[in-house]
C-alpha cells in the first residue's frame, strides 16, 4: 500500500509540475472534497475540482520539488491517510506546503476522497 500510494502521488505531482492537473483529476473520487489556500471555500465534487483546475491549467511550472516526511496511515485494507510536506521551486517561487490526502480503494483502484493543502513555514 505505501509504495503504491506514494507512486500515485508522485506521478500526479510530476504532471502538476508540468501544468497538467489531470493526474489529480484521474485520481480523485466523484465526491472528493478539496481545500487549498488559493480557493476561498472547500470544493465539493469532481466537477467543482475540475472547474478550479481548468483556471490554472498550463500556468504552473515546477522546476524542483521534494516530498518530505511522507507518512501513510492505513485505515483498514481499503483506506489510508497520506501526509507529507512538499517543497517546490517554480513559477510561483519557492513554496513550502503541508498536504493531507485521504485515499479510498473502490473497485480495485485507489481514489482521493479528500485533499487538504496548506502553506507551512520552515521551523526554527
PDB file of N, CA and C in Angstrom:
ATOM      1  N   UNK A   1       0.827  -1.194   0.000  1.00  0.00           N
ATOM      2  CA  UNK A   1       0.000   0.000   0.000  1.00  0.00           C
ATOM      3  C   UNK A   1       0.873   1.260   0.000  1.00  0.00           C
ATOM      4  N   UNK A   2       1.883   1.315   0.841  1.00  0.00           N
ATOM      5  CA  UNK A   2       2.708   2.509   0.985  1.00  0.00           C
ATOM      6  C   UNK A   2       3.375   2.900  -0.329  1.00  0.00           C
ATOM      7  N   UNK A   3       4.081   1.967  -0.940  1.00  0.00           N
ATOM      8  CA  UNK A   3       4.765   2.276  -2.196  1.00  0.00           C
ATOM      9  C   UNK A   3       3.778   2.648  -3.300  1.00  0.00           C
ATOM     10  N   UNK A   4       2.651   1.965  -3.333  1.00  0.00           N
ATOM     11  CA  UNK A   4       1.661   2.230  -4.369  1.00  0.00           C
ATOM     12  C   UNK A   4       1.094   3.643  -4.244  1.00  0.00           C
ATOM     13  N   UNK A   5       0.722   4.052  -3.037  1.00  0.00           N
ATOM     14  CA  UNK A   5       0.150   5.378  -2.853  1.00  0.00           C
ATOM     15  C   UNK A   5       1.185   6.478  -3.102  1.00  0.00           C
ATOM     16  N   UNK A   6       2.395   6.263  -2.640  1.00  0.00           N
ATOM     17  CA  UNK A   6       3.444   7.258  -2.900  1.00  0.00           C
ATOM     18  C   UNK A   6       3.732   7.383  -4.393  1.00  0.00           C
ATOM     19  N   UNK A   7       3.705   6.281  -5.113  1.00  0.00           N
ATOM     20  CA  UNK A   7       3.927   6.316  -6.557  1.00  0.00           C
ATOM     21  C   UNK A   7       2.791   7.069  -7.262  1.00  0.00           C
ATOM     22  N   UNK A   8       1.550   6.855  -6.830  1.00  0.00           N
ATOM     23  CA  UNK A   8       0.420   7.577  -7.417  1.00  0.00           C
ATOM     24  C   UNK A   8       0.555   9.076  -7.165  1.00  0.00           C
ATOM     25  N   UNK A   9       0.903   9.431  -5.945  1.00  0.00           N
ATOM     26  CA  UNK A   9       1.052  10.844  -5.581  1.00  0.00           C
ATOM     27  C   UNK A   9       2.195  11.490  -6.363  1.00  0.00           C
ATOM     28  N   UNK A  10       3.323  10.799  -6.437  1.00  0.00           N
ATOM     29  CA  UNK A  10       4.488  11.330  -7.155  1.00  0.00           C
ATOM     30  C   UNK A  10       4.157  11.555  -8.633  1.00  0.00           C
ATOM     31  N   UNK A  11       3.465  10.602  -9.246  1.00  0.00           N
ATOM     32  CA  UNK A  11       3.096  10.731 -10.654  1.00  0.00           C
ATOM     33  C   UNK A  11       2.163  11.926 -10.870  1.00  0.00           C
ATOM     34  N   UNK A  12       1.201  12.115  -9.961  1.00  0.00           N
ATOM     35  CA  UNK A  12       0.282  13.253 -10.078  1.00  0.00           C
ATOM     36  C   UNK A  12       1.037  14.572  -9.893  1.00  0.00           C
ATOM     37  N   UNK A  13       1.961  14.617  -8.944  1.00  0.00           N
ATOM     38  CA  UNK A  13       2.763  15.826  -8.736  1.00  0.00           C
ATOM     39  C   UNK A  13       3.648  16.133  -9.936  1.00  0.00           C
ATOM     40  N   UNK A  14       4.200  15.113 -10.565  1.00  0.00           N
ATOM     41  CA  UNK A  14       5.033  15.327 -11.745  1.00  0.00           C
ATOM     42  C   UNK A  14       4.217  15.968 -12.864  1.00  0.00           C
ATOM     43  N   UNK A  15       3.003  15.501 -13.063  1.00  0.00           N
ATOM     44  CA  UNK A  15       2.137  16.094 -14.082  1.00  0.00           C
ATOM     45  C   UNK A  15       1.751  17.522 -13.691  1.00  0.00           C
ATOM     46  N   UNK A  16       1.431  17.716 -12.431  1.00  0.00           N
ATOM     47  CA  UNK A  16       1.078  19.044 -11.919  1.00  0.00           C
ATOM     48  C   UNK A  16       2.204  20.037 -12.221  1.00  0.00           C
ATOM     49  N   UNK A  17       3.436  19.616 -11.998  1.00  0.00           N
ATOM     50  CA  UNK A  17       4.591  20.472 -12.216  1.00  0.00           C
ATOM     51  C   UNK A  17       4.806  20.851 -13.669  1.00  0.00           C
ATOM     52  N   UNK A  18       4.139  20.152 -14.569  1.00  0.00           N
ATOM     53  CA  UNK A  18       4.184  20.489 -15.995  1.00  0.00           C
ATOM     54  C   UNK A  18       2.909  21.226 -16.424  1.00  0.00           C
ATOM     55  N   UNK A  19       2.124  21.678 -15.449  1.00  0.00           N
ATOM     56  CA  UNK A  19       0.905  22.417 -15.748  1.00  0.00           C
ATOM     57  C   UNK A  19      -0.294  21.555 -16.064  1.00  0.00           C
ATOM     58  N   UNK A  20      -0.211  20.266 -15.764  1.00  0.00           N
ATOM     59  CA  UNK A  20      -1.265  19.310 -16.107  1.00  0.00           C
ATOM     60  C   UNK A  20      -1.908  18.755 -14.831  1.00  0.00           C
ATOM     61  N   UNK A  21      -3.085  19.257 -14.449  1.00  0.00           N
ATOM     62  CA  UNK A  21      -3.742  18.769 -13.242  1.00  0.00           C
ATOM     63  C   UNK A  21      -4.487  17.443 -13.420  1.00  0.00           C
ATOM     64  N   UNK A  22      -4.473  16.889 -14.635  1.00  0.00           N
ATOM     65  CA  UNK A  22      -5.267  15.680 -14.889  1.00  0.00           C
ATOM     66  C   UNK A  22      -4.825  14.474 -14.072  1.00  0.00           C
ATOM     67  N   UNK A  23      -3.563  14.428 -13.661  1.00  0.00           N
ATOM     68  CA  UNK A  23      -3.131  13.334 -12.798  1.00  0.00           C
ATOM     69  C   UNK A  23      -3.949  13.294 -11.519  1.00  0.00           C
ATOM     70  N   UNK A  24      -4.186  14.463 -10.957  1.00  0.00           N
ATOM     71  CA  UNK A  24      -5.017  14.525  -9.751  1.00  0.00           C
ATOM     72  C   UNK A  24      -6.492  14.319 -10.063  1.00  0.00           C
ATOM     73  N   UNK A  25      -6.960  14.841 -11.185  1.00  0.00           N
ATOM     74  CA  UNK A  25      -8.363  14.618 -11.543  1.00  0.00           C
ATOM     75  C   UNK A  25      -8.649  13.134 -11.747  1.00  0.00           C
ATOM     76  N   UNK A  26      -7.718  12.426 -12.373  1.00  0.00           N
ATOM     77  CA  UNK A  26      -7.897  10.991 -12.599  1.00  0.00           C
ATOM     78  C   UNK A  26      -7.897  10.204 -11.287  1.00  0.00           C
ATOM     79  N   UNK A  27      -7.195  10.703 -10.294  1.00  0.00           N
ATOM     80  CA  UNK A  27      -7.147  10.019  -9.001  1.00  0.00           C
ATOM     81  C   UNK A  27      -8.316  10.371  -8.087  1.00  0.00           C
ATOM     82  N   UNK A  28      -8.968  11.488  -8.338  1.00  0.00           N
ATOM     83  CA  UNK A  28      -9.983  11.984  -7.408  1.00  0.00           C
ATOM     84  C   UNK A  28     -11.314  11.270  -7.572  1.00  0.00           C
ATOM     85  N   UNK A  29     -11.920  10.970  -6.442  1.00  0.00           N
ATOM     86  CA  UNK A  29     -13.234  10.328  -6.411  1.00  0.00           C
ATOM     87  C   UNK A  29     -14.304  11.312  -6.869  1.00  0.00           C
ATOM     88  N   UNK A  30     -15.439  10.785  -7.253  1.00  0.00           N
ATOM     89  CA  UNK A  30     -16.541  11.636  -7.698  1.00  0.00           C
ATOM     90  C   UNK A  30     -17.015  12.610  -6.642  1.00  0.00           C
ATOM     91  N   UNK A  31     -16.953  12.190  -5.377  1.00  0.00           N
ATOM     92  CA  UNK A  31     -17.420  13.040  -4.280  1.00  0.00           C
ATOM     93  C   UNK A  31     -16.266  13.650  -3.484  1.00  0.00           C
ATOM     94  N   UNK A  32     -15.124  13.836  -4.131  1.00  0.00           N
ATOM     95  CA  UNK A  32     -13.938  14.384  -3.477  1.00  0.00           C
ATOM     96  C   UNK A  32     -14.250  15.724  -2.804  1.00  0.00           C
ATOM     97  N   UNK A  33     -13.577  15.983  -1.691  1.00  0.00           N
ATOM     98  CA  UNK A  33     -13.593  17.310  -1.080  1.00  0.00           C
ATOM     99  C   UNK A  33     -12.163  17.835  -1.105  1.00  0.00           C
ATOM    100  N   UNK A  34     -12.022  19.177  -1.225  1.00  0.00           N
ATOM    101  CA  UNK A  34     -10.707  19.745  -1.526  1.00  0.00           C
ATOM    102  C   UNK A  34     -10.554  21.107  -0.857  1.00  0.00           C
ATOM    103  N   UNK A  35      -9.477  21.258  -0.086  1.00  0.00           N
ATOM    104  CA  UNK A  35      -9.087  22.545   0.492  1.00  0.00           C
ATOM    105  C   UNK A  35      -7.760  22.979  -0.104  1.00  0.00           C
ATOM    106  N   UNK A  36      -7.644  24.266  -0.402  1.00  0.00           N
ATOM    107  CA  UNK A  36      -6.432  24.827  -0.998  1.00  0.00           C
ATOM    108  C   UNK A  36      -6.364  26.296  -0.565  1.00  0.00           C
ATOM    109  N   UNK A  37      -5.166  26.811  -0.226  1.00  0.00           N
ATOM    110  CA  UNK A  37      -5.097  28.204   0.212  1.00  0.00           C
ATOM    111  C   UNK A  37      -5.454  29.211  -0.881  1.00  0.00           C
ATOM    112  N   UNK A  38      -5.498  28.786  -2.140  1.00  0.00           N
ATOM    113  CA  UNK A  38      -5.871  29.679  -3.232  1.00  0.00           C
ATOM    114  C   UNK A  38      -7.367  29.649  -3.531  1.00  0.00           C
ATOM    115  N   UNK A  39      -8.120  28.844  -2.792  1.00  0.00           N
ATOM    116  CA  UNK A  39      -9.558  28.711  -3.000  1.00  0.00           C
ATOM    117  C   UNK A  39     -10.262  29.169  -1.721  1.00  0.00           C
ATOM    118  N   UNK A  40     -11.240  30.063  -1.866  1.00  0.00           N
ATOM    119  CA  UNK A  40     -11.886  30.679  -0.707  1.00  0.00           C
ATOM    120  C   UNK A  40     -12.654  29.669   0.156  1.00  0.00           C
ATOM    121  N   UNK A  41     -13.264  28.673  -0.460  1.00  0.00           N
ATOM    122  CA  UNK A  41     -14.062  27.711   0.288  1.00  0.00           C
ATOM    123  C   UNK A  41     -13.736  26.300  -0.177  1.00  0.00           C
ATOM    124  N   UNK A  42     -14.150  25.336   0.606  1.00  0.00           N
ATOM    125  CA  UNK A  42     -13.958  23.934   0.230  1.00  0.00           C
ATOM    126  C   UNK A  42     -14.666  23.670  -1.095  1.00  0.00           C
ATOM    127  N   UNK A  43     -14.001  22.892  -1.950  1.00  0.00           N
ATOM    128  CA  UNK A  43     -14.627  22.428  -3.187  1.00  0.00           C
ATOM    129  C   UNK A  43     -15.202  21.045  -2.933  1.00  0.00           C
ATOM    130  N   UNK A  44     -16.416  20.819  -3.380  1.00  0.00           N
ATOM    131  CA  UNK A  44     -17.084  19.535  -3.200  1.00  0.00           C
ATOM    132  C   UNK A  44     -17.420  18.934  -4.557  1.00  0.00           C
ATOM    133  N   UNK A  45     -16.860  17.756  -4.809  1.00  0.00           N
ATOM    134  CA  UNK A  45     -17.189  17.015  -6.015  1.00  0.00           C
ATOM    135  C   UNK A  45     -16.188  17.204  -7.133  1.00  0.00           C
ATOM    136  N   UNK A  46     -16.136  16.183  -7.976  1.00  0.00           N
ATOM    137  CA  UNK A  46     -15.190  16.140  -9.078  1.00  0.00           C
ATOM    138  C   UNK A  46     -15.388  17.302 -10.049  1.00  0.00           C
ATOM    139  N   UNK A  47     -16.632  17.669 -10.337  1.00  0.00           N
ATOM    140  CA  UNK A  47     -16.904  18.752 -11.280  1.00  0.00           C
ATOM    141  C   UNK A  47     -16.365  20.085 -10.751  1.00  0.00           C
ATOM    142  N   UNK A  48     -16.533  20.347  -9.470  1.00  0.00           N
ATOM    143  CA  UNK A  48     -16.022  21.592  -8.883  1.00  0.00           C
ATOM    144  C   UNK A  48     -14.500  21.619  -8.923  1.00  0.00           C
ATOM    145  N   UNK A  49     -13.874  20.478  -8.640  1.00  0.00           N
ATOM    146  CA  UNK A  49     -12.414  20.405  -8.688  1.00  0.00           C
ATOM    147  C   UNK A  49     -11.923  20.607 -10.121  1.00  0.00           C
ATOM    148  N   UNK A  50     -12.573  19.986 -11.081  1.00  0.00           N
ATOM    149  CA  UNK A  50     -12.188  20.138 -12.487  1.00  0.00           C
ATOM    150  C   UNK A  50     -12.335  21.591 -12.933  1.00  0.00           C
ATOM    151  N   UNK A  51     -13.368  22.270 -12.475  1.00  0.00           N
ATOM    152  CA  UNK A  51     -13.569  23.675 -12.838  1.00  0.00           C
ATOM    153  C   UNK A  51     -12.445  24.545 -12.280  1.00  0.00           C
ATOM    154  N   UNK A  52     -12.040  24.288 -11.052  1.00  0.00           N
ATOM    155  CA  UNK A  52     -10.928  25.035 -10.448  1.00  0.00           C
ATOM    156  C   UNK A  52      -9.633  24.764 -11.217  1.00  0.00           C
ATOM    157  N   UNK A  53      -9.357  23.513 -11.461  1.00  0.00           N
ATOM    158  CA  UNK A  53      -8.130  23.162 -12.175  1.00  0.00           C
ATOM    159  C   UNK A  53      -8.101  23.754 -13.583  1.00  0.00           C
ATOM    160  N   UNK A  54      -9.259  23.917 -14.216  1.00  0.00           N
ATOM    161  CA  UNK A  54      -9.307  24.494 -15.557  1.00  0.00           C
ATOM    162  C   UNK A  54      -8.763  25.930 -15.561  1.00  0.00           C
ATOM    163  N   UNK A  55      -8.936  26.636 -14.448  1.00  0.00           N
ATOM    164  CA  UNK A  55      -8.477  28.032 -14.373  1.00  0.00           C
ATOM    165  C   UNK A  55      -6.960  28.138 -14.239  1.00  0.00           C
ATOM    166  N   UNK A  56      -6.301  27.054 -13.835  1.00  0.00           N
ATOM    167  CA  UNK A  56      -4.846  27.106 -13.632  1.00  0.00           C
ATOM    168  C   UNK A  56      -4.085  26.161 -14.563  1.00  0.00           C
ATOM    169  N   UNK A  57      -4.811  25.455 -15.388  1.00  0.00           N
ATOM    170  CA  UNK A  57      -4.176  24.515 -16.336  1.00  0.00           C
ATOM    171  C   UNK A  57      -3.138  25.246 -17.184  1.00  0.00           C
ATOM    172  N   UNK A  58      -1.946  24.682 -17.239  1.00  0.00           N
ATOM    173  CA  UNK A  58      -0.878  25.233 -18.060  1.00  0.00           C
ATOM    174  C   UNK A  58      -0.147  26.422 -17.454  1.00  0.00           C
ATOM    175  N   UNK A  59      -0.576  26.892 -16.301  1.00  0.00           N
ATOM    176  CA  UNK A  59       0.021  28.087 -15.692  1.00  0.00           C
ATOM    177  C   UNK A  59       1.089  27.770 -14.652  1.00  0.00           C
ATOM    178  N   UNK A  60       1.134  26.552 -14.164  1.00  0.00           N
ATOM    179  CA  UNK A  60       2.077  26.188 -13.107  1.00  0.00           C
ATOM    180  C   UNK A  60       3.240  25.415 -13.710  1.00  0.00           C
ATOM    181  N   UNK A  61       4.427  25.796 -13.328  1.00  0.00           N
ATOM    182  CA  UNK A  61       5.646  25.084 -13.729  1.00  0.00           C
ATOM    183  C   UNK A  61       6.499  24.895 -12.484  1.00  0.00           C
ATOM    184  N   UNK A  62       6.835  23.675 -12.195  1.00  0.00           N
ATOM    185  CA  UNK A  62       7.694  23.375 -11.045  1.00  0.00           C
ATOM    186  C   UNK A  62       9.007  22.825 -11.573  1.00  0.00           C
ATOM    187  N   UNK A  63      10.067  23.502 -11.220  1.00  0.00           N
ATOM    188  CA  UNK A  63      11.402  23.125 -11.689  1.00  0.00           C
ATOM    189  C   UNK A  63      12.052  22.091 -10.773  1.00  0.00           C
ATOM    190  N   UNK A  64      11.850  22.253  -9.489  1.00  0.00           N
ATOM    191  CA  UNK A  64      12.406  21.321  -8.492  1.00  0.00           C
ATOM    192  C   UNK A  64      11.370  21.132  -7.398  1.00  0.00           C
ATOM    193  N   UNK A  65      11.286  19.917  -6.905  1.00  0.00           N
ATOM    194  CA  UNK A  65      10.376  19.669  -5.791  1.00  0.00           C
ATOM    195  C   UNK A  65      10.839  18.473  -4.985  1.00  0.00           C
ATOM    196  N   UNK A  66      10.255  18.359  -3.813  1.00  0.00           N
ATOM    197  CA  UNK A  66      10.600  17.242  -2.941  1.00  0.00           C
ATOM    198  C   UNK A  66       9.433  16.941  -2.012  1.00  0.00           C
ATOM    199  N   UNK A  67       9.117  15.675  -1.881  1.00  0.00           N
ATOM    200  CA  UNK A  67       8.184  15.198  -0.863  1.00  0.00           C
ATOM    201  C   UNK A  67       9.026  14.899   0.374  1.00  0.00           C
ATOM    202  N   UNK A  68       8.652  15.480   1.501  1.00  0.00           N
ATOM    203  CA  UNK A  68       9.438  15.344   2.723  1.00  0.00           C
ATOM    204  C   UNK A  68       8.583  14.696   3.816  1.00  0.00           C
ATOM    205  N   UNK A  69       9.135  13.696   4.458  1.00  0.00           N
ATOM    206  CA  UNK A  69       8.491  13.097   5.633  1.00  0.00           C
ATOM    207  C   UNK A  69       7.151  12.451   5.361  1.00  0.00           C
ATOM    208  N   UNK A  70       7.010  11.798   4.239  1.00  0.00           N
ATOM    209  CA  UNK A  70       5.730  11.153   3.918  1.00  0.00           C
ATOM    210  C   UNK A  70       5.400  10.079   4.950  1.00  0.00           C
ATOM    211  N   UNK A  71       4.131  10.050   5.324  1.00  0.00           N
ATOM    212  CA  UNK A  71       3.634   9.034   6.257  1.00  0.00           C
ATOM    213  C   UNK A  71       2.288   8.546   5.742  1.00  0.00           C
ATOM    214  N   UNK A  72       2.131   7.243   5.728  1.00  0.00           N
ATOM    215  CA  UNK A  72       0.855   6.648   5.351  1.00  0.00           C
ATOM    216  C   UNK A  72       0.305   5.892   6.548  1.00  0.00           C
ATOM    217  N   UNK A  73      -0.926   6.215   6.893  1.00  0.00           N
ATOM    218  CA  UNK A  73      -1.617   5.558   7.994  1.00  0.00           C
ATOM    219  C   UNK A  73      -2.771   4.754   7.413  1.00  0.00           C
ATOM    220  N   UNK A  74      -2.628   3.430   7.344  1.00  0.00           N
ATOM    221  CA  UNK A  74      -3.722   2.602   6.827  1.00  0.00           C
ATOM    222  C   UNK A  74      -4.942   2.673   7.741  1.00  0.00           C
ATOM    223  N   UNK A  75      -6.097   2.687   7.131  1.00  0.00           N
ATOM    224  CA  UNK A  75      -7.371   2.633   7.852  1.00  0.00           C
ATOM    225  C   UNK A  75      -8.101   1.401   7.341  1.00  0.00           C
ATOM    226  N   UNK A  76      -7.628   0.249   7.748  1.00  0.00           N
ATOM    227  CA  UNK A  76      -8.133  -0.995   7.198  1.00  0.00           C
ATOM    228  C   UNK A  76      -7.445  -1.276   5.878  1.00  0.00           C
ATOM    229  N   UNK A  77      -8.032  -2.166   5.085  1.00  0.00           N
ATOM    230  CA  UNK A  77      -7.404  -2.576   3.823  1.00  0.00           C
ATOM    231  C   UNK A  77      -7.718  -1.638   2.662  1.00  0.00           C
ATOM    232  N   UNK A  78      -8.772  -0.821   2.789  1.00  0.00           N
ATOM    233  CA  UNK A  78      -9.232  -0.043   1.644  1.00  0.00           C
ATOM    234  C   UNK A  78      -9.253   1.461   1.861  1.00  0.00           C
ATOM    235  N   UNK A  79      -8.524   1.950   2.839  1.00  0.00           N
ATOM    236  CA  UNK A  79      -8.430   3.395   3.055  1.00  0.00           C
ATOM    237  C   UNK A  79      -7.113   3.706   3.746  1.00  0.00           C
ATOM    238  N   UNK A  80      -6.627   4.909   3.498  1.00  0.00           N
ATOM    239  CA  UNK A  80      -5.371   5.334   4.115  1.00  0.00           C
ATOM    240  C   UNK A  80      -5.279   6.853   4.072  1.00  0.00           C
ATOM    241  N   UNK A  81      -4.541   7.389   5.036  1.00  0.00           N
ATOM    242  CA  UNK A  81      -4.256   8.818   5.072  1.00  0.00           C
ATOM    243  C   UNK A  81      -2.781   9.003   4.746  1.00  0.00           C
ATOM    244  N   UNK A  82      -2.509   9.805   3.742  1.00  0.00           N
ATOM    245  CA  UNK A  82      -1.149  10.156   3.361  1.00  0.00           C
ATOM    246  C   UNK A  82      -0.909  11.599   3.766  1.00  0.00           C
ATOM    247  N   UNK A  83       0.136  11.838   4.548  1.00  0.00           N
ATOM    248  CA  UNK A  83       0.523  13.201   4.904  1.00  0.00           C
ATOM    249  C   UNK A  83       1.979  13.400   4.539  1.00  0.00           C
ATOM    250  N   UNK A  84       2.305  14.613   4.117  1.00  0.00           N
ATOM    251  CA  UNK A  84       3.690  14.940   3.789  1.00  0.00           C
ATOM    252  C   UNK A  84       3.861  16.447   3.697  1.00  0.00           C
ATOM    253  N   UNK A  85       5.107  16.876   3.785  1.00  0.00           N
ATOM    254  CA  UNK A  85       5.468  18.244   3.447  1.00  0.00           C
ATOM    255  C   UNK A  85       5.971  18.219   2.015  1.00  0.00           C
ATOM    256  N   UNK A  86       5.730  19.308   1.329  1.00  0.00           N
ATOM    257  CA  UNK A  86       6.120  19.423  -0.077  1.00  0.00           C
ATOM    258  C   UNK A  86       6.851  20.746  -0.262  1.00  0.00           C
ATOM    259  N   UNK A  87       8.026  20.669  -0.820  1.00  0.00           N
ATOM    260  CA  UNK A  87       8.843  21.854  -1.073  1.00  0.00           C
ATOM    261  C   UNK A  87       8.980  21.986  -2.584  1.00  0.00           C
ATOM    262  N   UNK A  88       8.612  23.152  -3.117  1.00  0.00           N
ATOM    263  CA  UNK A  88       8.664  23.326  -4.565  1.00  0.00           C
ATOM    264  C   UNK A  88       9.312  24.654  -4.926  1.00  0.00           C
ATOM    265  N   UNK A  89       9.914  24.651  -6.096  1.00  0.00           N
ATOM    266  CA  UNK A  89      10.513  25.856  -6.672  1.00  0.00           C
ATOM    267  C   UNK A  89      10.063  25.917  -8.117  1.00  0.00           C
ATOM    268  N   UNK A  90       9.422  27.025  -8.498  1.00  0.00           N
ATOM    269  CA  UNK A  90       8.957  27.125  -9.873  1.00  0.00           C
ATOM    270  C   UNK A  90       8.306  28.444 -10.164  1.00  0.00           C
ATOM    271  N   UNK A  91       7.268  28.414 -10.987  1.00  0.00           N
ATOM    272  CA  UNK A  91       6.612  29.631 -11.461  1.00  0.00           C
ATOM    273  C   UNK A  91       6.008  30.460 -10.333  1.00  0.00           C
ATOM    274  N   UNK A  92       5.679  29.845  -9.227  1.00  0.00           N
ATOM    275  CA  UNK A  92       5.105  30.554  -8.085  1.00  0.00           C
ATOM    276  C   UNK A  92       6.161  30.914  -7.050  1.00  0.00           C
ATOM    277  N   UNK A  93       7.436  30.703  -7.374  1.00  0.00           N
ATOM    278  CA  UNK A  93       8.519  30.961  -6.436  1.00  0.00           C
ATOM    279  C   UNK A  93       8.784  29.730  -5.591  1.00  0.00           C
ATOM    280  N   UNK A  94       9.472  29.931  -4.480  1.00  0.00           N
ATOM    281  CA  UNK A  94       9.764  28.837  -3.553  1.00  0.00           C
ATOM    282  C   UNK A  94       8.608  28.740  -2.558  1.00  0.00           C
ATOM    283  N   UNK A  95       8.012  27.568  -2.484  1.00  0.00           N
ATOM    284  CA  UNK A  95       6.862  27.364  -1.590  1.00  0.00           C
ATOM    285  C   UNK A  95       7.077  26.123  -0.736  1.00  0.00           C
ATOM    286  N   UNK A  96       6.532  26.185   0.462  1.00  0.00           N
ATOM    287  CA  UNK A  96       6.536  25.048   1.372  1.00  0.00           C
ATOM    288  C   UNK A  96       5.083  24.756   1.740  1.00  0.00           C
ATOM    289  N   UNK A  97       4.715  23.508   1.613  1.00  0.00           N
ATOM    290  CA  UNK A  97       3.335  23.079   1.803  1.00  0.00           C
ATOM    291  C   UNK A  97       3.243  21.950   2.820  1.00  0.00           C
ATOM    292  N   UNK A  98       2.069  21.814   3.389  1.00  0.00           N
ATOM    293  CA  UNK A  98       1.662  20.593   4.083  1.00  0.00           C
ATOM    294  C   UNK A  98       0.500  20.024   3.287  1.00  0.00           C
ATOM    295  N   UNK A  99       0.494  18.710   3.146  1.00  0.00           N
ATOM    296  CA  UNK A  99      -0.577  18.069   2.380  1.00  0.00           C
ATOM    297  C   UNK A  99      -1.117  16.865   3.142  1.00  0.00           C
ATOM    298  N   UNK A 100      -2.419  16.727   3.103  1.00  0.00           N
ATOM    299  CA  UNK A 100      -3.107  15.538   3.596  1.00  0.00           C
ATOM    300  C   UNK A 100      -3.993  15.023   2.474  1.00  0.00           C
ATOM    301  N   UNK A 101      -3.834  13.755   2.154  1.00  0.00           N
ATOM    302  CA  UNK A 101      -4.674  13.091   1.156  1.00  0.00           C
ATOM    303  C   UNK A 101      -5.311  11.878   1.830  1.00  0.00           C
ATOM    304  N   UNK A 102      -6.613  11.764   1.723  1.00  0.00           N
ATOM    305  CA  UNK A 102      -7.315  10.573   2.194  1.00  0.00           C
ATOM    306  C   UNK A 102      -7.642   9.744   0.955  1.00  0.00           C
ATOM    307  N   UNK A 103      -7.060   8.558   0.903  1.00  0.00           N
ATOM    308  CA  UNK A 103      -7.273   7.643  -0.216  1.00  0.00           C
ATOM    309  C   UNK A 103      -8.245   6.547   0.206  1.00  0.00           C
ATOM    310  N   UNK A 104      -9.121   6.167  -0.719  1.00  0.00           N
ATOM    311  CA  UNK A 104     -10.027   5.038  -0.505  1.00  0.00           C
ATOM    312  C   UNK A 104      -9.972   4.165  -1.755  1.00  0.00           C
ATOM    313  N   UNK A 105      -9.989   2.852  -1.549  1.00  0.00           N
ATOM    314  CA  UNK A 105      -9.951   1.927  -2.685  1.00  0.00           C
ATOM    315  C   UNK A 105     -11.372   1.447  -2.969  1.00  0.00           C
ATOM    316  N   UNK A 106     -11.756   1.589  -4.238  1.00  0.00           N
ATOM    317  CA  UNK A 106     -13.067   1.121  -4.685  1.00  0.00           C
ATOM    318  C   UNK A 106     -12.869   0.444  -6.033  1.00  0.00           C
ATOM    319  N   UNK A 107     -13.475  -0.699  -6.210  1.00  0.00           N
ATOM    320  CA  UNK A 107     -13.366  -1.475  -7.450  1.00  0.00           C
ATOM    321  C   UNK A 107     -11.904  -1.700  -7.818  1.00  0.00           C
ATOM    322  N   UNK A 108     -11.062  -1.894  -6.790  1.00  0.00           N
ATOM    323  CA  UNK A 108      -9.661  -2.222  -7.003  1.00  0.00           C
ATOM    324  C   UNK A 108      -8.747  -1.051  -7.308  1.00  0.00           C
ATOM    325  N   UNK A 109      -9.287   0.169  -7.337  1.00  0.00           N
ATOM    326  CA  UNK A 109      -8.464   1.343  -7.663  1.00  0.00           C
ATOM    327  C   UNK A 109      -8.474   2.340  -6.509  1.00  0.00           C
ATOM    328  N   UNK A 110      -7.322   2.928  -6.254  1.00  0.00           N
ATOM    329  CA  UNK A 110      -7.213   3.968  -5.228  1.00  0.00           C
ATOM    330  C   UNK A 110      -7.720   5.290  -5.787  1.00  0.00           C
ATOM    331  N   UNK A 111      -8.524   5.985  -4.998  1.00  0.00           N
ATOM    332  CA  UNK A 111      -9.051   7.296  -5.361  1.00  0.00           C
ATOM    333  C   UNK A 111      -8.865   8.234  -4.163  1.00  0.00           C
ATOM    334  N   UNK A 112      -8.643   9.504  -4.472  1.00  0.00           N
ATOM    335  CA  UNK A 112      -8.533  10.500  -3.410  1.00  0.00           C
ATOM    336  C   UNK A 112      -9.945  10.931  -3.015  1.00  0.00           C
ATOM    337  N   UNK A 113     -10.276  10.727  -1.753  1.00  0.00           N
ATOM    338  CA  UNK A 113     -11.578  11.124  -1.227  1.00  0.00           C
ATOM    339  C   UNK A 113     -11.536  12.543  -0.659  1.00  0.00           C
ATOM    340  N   UNK A 114     -10.358  12.944  -0.164  1.00  0.00           N
ATOM    341  CA  UNK A 114     -10.219  14.285   0.421  1.00  0.00           C
ATOM    342  C   UNK A 114      -8.778  14.757   0.277  1.00  0.00           C
ATOM    343  N   UNK A 115      -8.618  16.030  -0.050  1.00  0.00           N
ATOM    344  CA  UNK A 115      -7.313  16.674  -0.153  1.00  0.00           C
ATOM    345  C   UNK A 115      -7.312  17.950   0.672  1.00  0.00           C
ATOM    346  N   UNK A 116      -6.208  18.193   1.364  1.00  0.00           N
ATOM    347  CA  UNK A 116      -6.041  19.461   2.079  1.00  0.00           C
ATOM    348  C   UNK A 116      -4.602  19.934   1.899  1.00  0.00           C
ATOM    349  N   UNK A 117      -4.428  21.045   1.177  1.00  0.00           N
ATOM    350  CA  UNK A 117      -3.138  21.696   1.002  1.00  0.00           C
ATOM    351  C   UNK A 117      -3.114  22.973   1.832  1.00  0.00           C
ATOM    352  N   UNK A 118      -2.003  23.234   2.517  1.00  0.00           N
ATOM    353  CA  UNK A 118      -1.840  24.484   3.244  1.00  0.00           C
ATOM    354  C   UNK A 118      -0.367  24.890   3.203  1.00  0.00           C
ATOM    355  N   UNK A 119      -0.121  26.183   3.381  1.00  0.00           N
ATOM    356  CA  UNK A 119       1.250  26.667   3.417  1.00  0.00           C
ATOM    357  C   UNK A 119       1.873  26.395   4.775  1.00  0.00           C
ATOM    358  N   UNK A 120       3.157  26.114   4.771  1.00  0.00           N
ATOM    359  CA  UNK A 120       3.913  25.954   6.011  1.00  0.00           C
ATOM    360  C   UNK A 120       5.134  26.845   5.949  1.00  0.00           C
ATOM    361  N   UNK A 121       5.751  27.024   7.093  1.00  0.00           N
ATOM    362  CA  UNK A 121       6.984  27.767   7.171  1.00  0.00           C
ATOM    363  C   UNK A 121       8.059  26.857   7.750  1.00  0.00           C
ATOM    364  N   UNK A 122       9.277  27.118   7.373  1.00  0.00           N
ATOM    365  CA  UNK A 122      10.398  26.362   7.918  1.00  0.00           C
ATOM    366  C   UNK A 122      10.470  26.616   9.424  1.00  0.00           C
ATOM    367  N   UNK A 123      10.569  25.558  10.191  1.00  0.00           N
ATOM    368  CA  UNK A 123      10.684  25.679  11.649  1.00  0.00           C
ATOM    369  C   UNK A 123      12.043  26.253  12.008  1.00  0.00           C
ATOM    370  N   UNK A 124      12.054  26.982  13.105  1.00  0.00           N
ATOM    371  CA  UNK A 124      13.337  27.487  13.618  1.00  0.00           C
ATOM    372  C   UNK A 124      13.648  28.780  13.079  1.00  0.00           C
TER     373      UNK A 124
END
